[in-house]
Amino acid sequence: MLRPRITDEQTIQIFGKELYEDASLEPLFKELLGISGIKPFECVGTNEEMILAMRKFYQASSKQLIASSHIIKLFEHGVLNKMSKSDFIALEKKLMKIYTDDNIPSEIKEKITRS
């Protein structure tokens, strides 16, 4: 999820390589994207958040990087080609929403207040 926000050079500095070019990571990315299996780590965000982050990276990337990236090809075939532009707009709207002071549903707030 960090990848859309950092440069290629920063990626290499942090991870030692471009992770999207590492074909051995395909099973992990399939899980992260919700293509197969179960999301492997609690700390990496939801499948939807991962999809949105990868789409942002995809949109900002050069065609050369996309062509050479095994994981980006996986994203194209496993996710991107199955979602419409409006699907991505709805996903971004859902995930990038700015919330008010809290996210506590009103019915739960009422129970807390009465207790």
Protein backbone atom coordinates (compact mmCIF):
# COMPACT_ATOMS: atom_id res chain seq x y z
CA MET A 1 0.00 0.00 0.00
CA LEU A 2 3.02 2.23 0.37
CA ARG A 3 4.14 1.77 -3.23
CA PRO A 4 1.96 4.45 -4.91
CA ARG A 5 3.40 7.05 -2.54
CA ILE A 6 7.12 6.36 -2.90
CA THR A 7 9.57 6.50 -5.78
CA ASP A 8 11.25 3.58 -7.51
CA GLU A 9 14.50 4.53 -5.76
CA GLN A 10 12.84 4.59 -2.34
CA THR A 11 11.31 1.18 -3.03
CA ILE A 12 14.74 -0.30 -3.76
CA GLN A 13 16.21 1.43 -0.71
CA ILE A 14 13.50 0.10 1.62
CA PHE A 15 12.92 -3.39 0.19
CA GLY A 16 16.12 -4.06 -1.75
CA LYS A 17 14.17 -4.69 -4.96
CA GLU A 18 11.02 -3.83 -6.88
CA LEU A 19 8.53 -6.16 -5.21
CA TYR A 20 6.10 -6.00 -8.13
CA GLU A 21 8.73 -7.65 -10.37
CA ASP A 22 9.21 -10.64 -8.04
CA ALA A 23 7.17 -13.55 -9.45
CA SER A 24 7.74 -15.58 -6.27
CA LEU A 25 5.44 -13.13 -4.45
CA GLU A 26 2.45 -14.01 -6.64
CA PRO A 27 0.72 -16.25 -4.03
CA LEU A 28 1.06 -13.51 -1.41
CA PHE A 29 -0.31 -10.80 -3.72
CA LYS A 30 -3.22 -13.06 -4.72
CA GLU A 31 -4.14 -13.22 -1.04
CA LEU A 32 -3.60 -9.48 -0.49
CA LEU A 33 -5.82 -8.65 -3.48
CA GLY A 34 -8.52 -11.17 -2.53
CA ILE A 35 -7.99 -13.25 -5.68
CA SER A 36 -7.39 -16.41 -3.67
CA GLY A 37 -6.82 -17.58 -0.15
CA ILE A 38 -7.08 -15.45 2.96
CA LYS A 39 -5.36 -12.11 3.53
CA PRO A 40 -2.14 -13.17 5.24
CA PHE A 41 -1.44 -10.21 7.53
CA GLU A 42 -3.65 -8.05 9.71
CA CYS A 43 -1.35 -5.04 9.41
CA VAL A 44 -1.51 -4.53 5.62
CA GLY A 45 -5.06 -3.29 5.24
CA THR A 46 -8.08 -4.85 3.58
CA ASN A 47 -8.27 -6.43 0.13
CA GLU A 48 -10.19 -3.35 -1.04
CA GLU A 49 -7.49 -1.01 0.27
CA MET A 50 -4.83 -3.06 -1.49
CA ILE A 51 -6.79 -2.98 -4.76
CA LEU A 52 -7.18 0.79 -4.58
CA ALA A 53 -3.49 1.29 -3.77
CA MET A 54 -2.40 -0.93 -6.66
CA ARG A 55 -4.74 0.87 -9.04
CA LYS A 56 -3.25 4.21 -8.01
CA PHE A 57 0.23 2.83 -8.64
CA TYR A 58 -0.89 1.35 -11.96
CA GLN A 59 -2.34 4.66 -13.13
CA ALA A 60 0.86 6.54 -12.26
CA SER A 61 3.29 3.96 -13.65
CA SER A 62 5.09 3.92 -16.94
CA LYS A 63 4.07 1.36 -19.55
CA GLN A 64 7.61 -0.01 -19.37
CA LEU A 65 7.33 -0.81 -15.66
CA ILE A 66 3.86 -2.29 -16.12
CA ALA A 67 5.10 -4.50 -18.98
CA SER A 68 8.00 -5.84 -16.89
CA SER A 69 6.11 -6.30 -13.64
CA HIS A 70 4.82 -9.78 -12.92
CA ILE A 71 2.62 -8.63 -10.03
CA ILE A 72 1.12 -5.76 -12.01
CA LYS A 73 0.21 -8.22 -14.78
CA LEU A 74 -1.46 -10.35 -12.10
CA PHE A 75 -3.36 -7.25 -10.96
CA GLU A 76 -4.44 -6.47 -14.53
CA HIS A 77 -5.80 -9.97 -15.17
CA GLY A 78 -7.07 -10.81 -11.69
CA VAL A 79 -8.63 -7.50 -10.68
CA LEU A 80 -8.40 -4.60 -13.12
CA ASN A 81 -10.07 -6.38 -16.04
CA LYS A 82 -12.94 -7.48 -13.79
CA MET A 83 -13.82 -4.06 -12.40
CA SER A 84 -15.36 -1.12 -14.20
CA LYS A 85 -14.31 2.49 -13.86
CA SER A 86 -17.44 3.11 -11.79
CA ASP A 87 -16.45 0.21 -9.48
CA PHE A 88 -13.14 1.95 -8.79
CA ILE A 89 -14.84 5.31 -8.29
CA ALA A 90 -17.21 3.76 -5.74
CA LEU A 91 -14.31 1.99 -4.02
CA GLU A 92 -12.29 5.18 -3.78
CA LYS A 93 -15.29 7.11 -2.48
CA LYS A 94 -15.86 4.45 0.18
CA LEU A 95 -12.24 4.18 1.28
CA MET A 96 -11.22 7.83 1.04
CA LYS A 97 -14.25 9.17 2.89
CA ILE A 98 -13.47 11.71 5.57
CA TYR A 99 -15.35 10.80 8.70
CA THR A 100 -16.62 13.05 11.44
CA ASP A 101 -15.31 12.85 14.99
CA ASP A 102 -16.09 9.16 15.34
CA ASN A 103 -17.47 6.18 13.47
CA ILE A 104 -19.63 4.84 16.25
CA PRO A 105 -23.07 3.91 14.89
CA SER A 106 -25.86 5.94 16.51
CA GLU A 107 -27.59 2.87 17.98
CA ILE A 108 -24.39 1.91 19.83
CA LYS A 109 -23.81 5.50 20.96
CA GLU A 110 -27.29 5.53 22.45
CA LYS A 111 -26.59 2.33 24.38
CA ILE A 112 -23.32 3.75 25.69
CA THR A 113 -24.99 7.01 26.70
CA ARG A 114 -27.79 5.19 28.56
CA SER A 115 -25.36 2.94 30.48
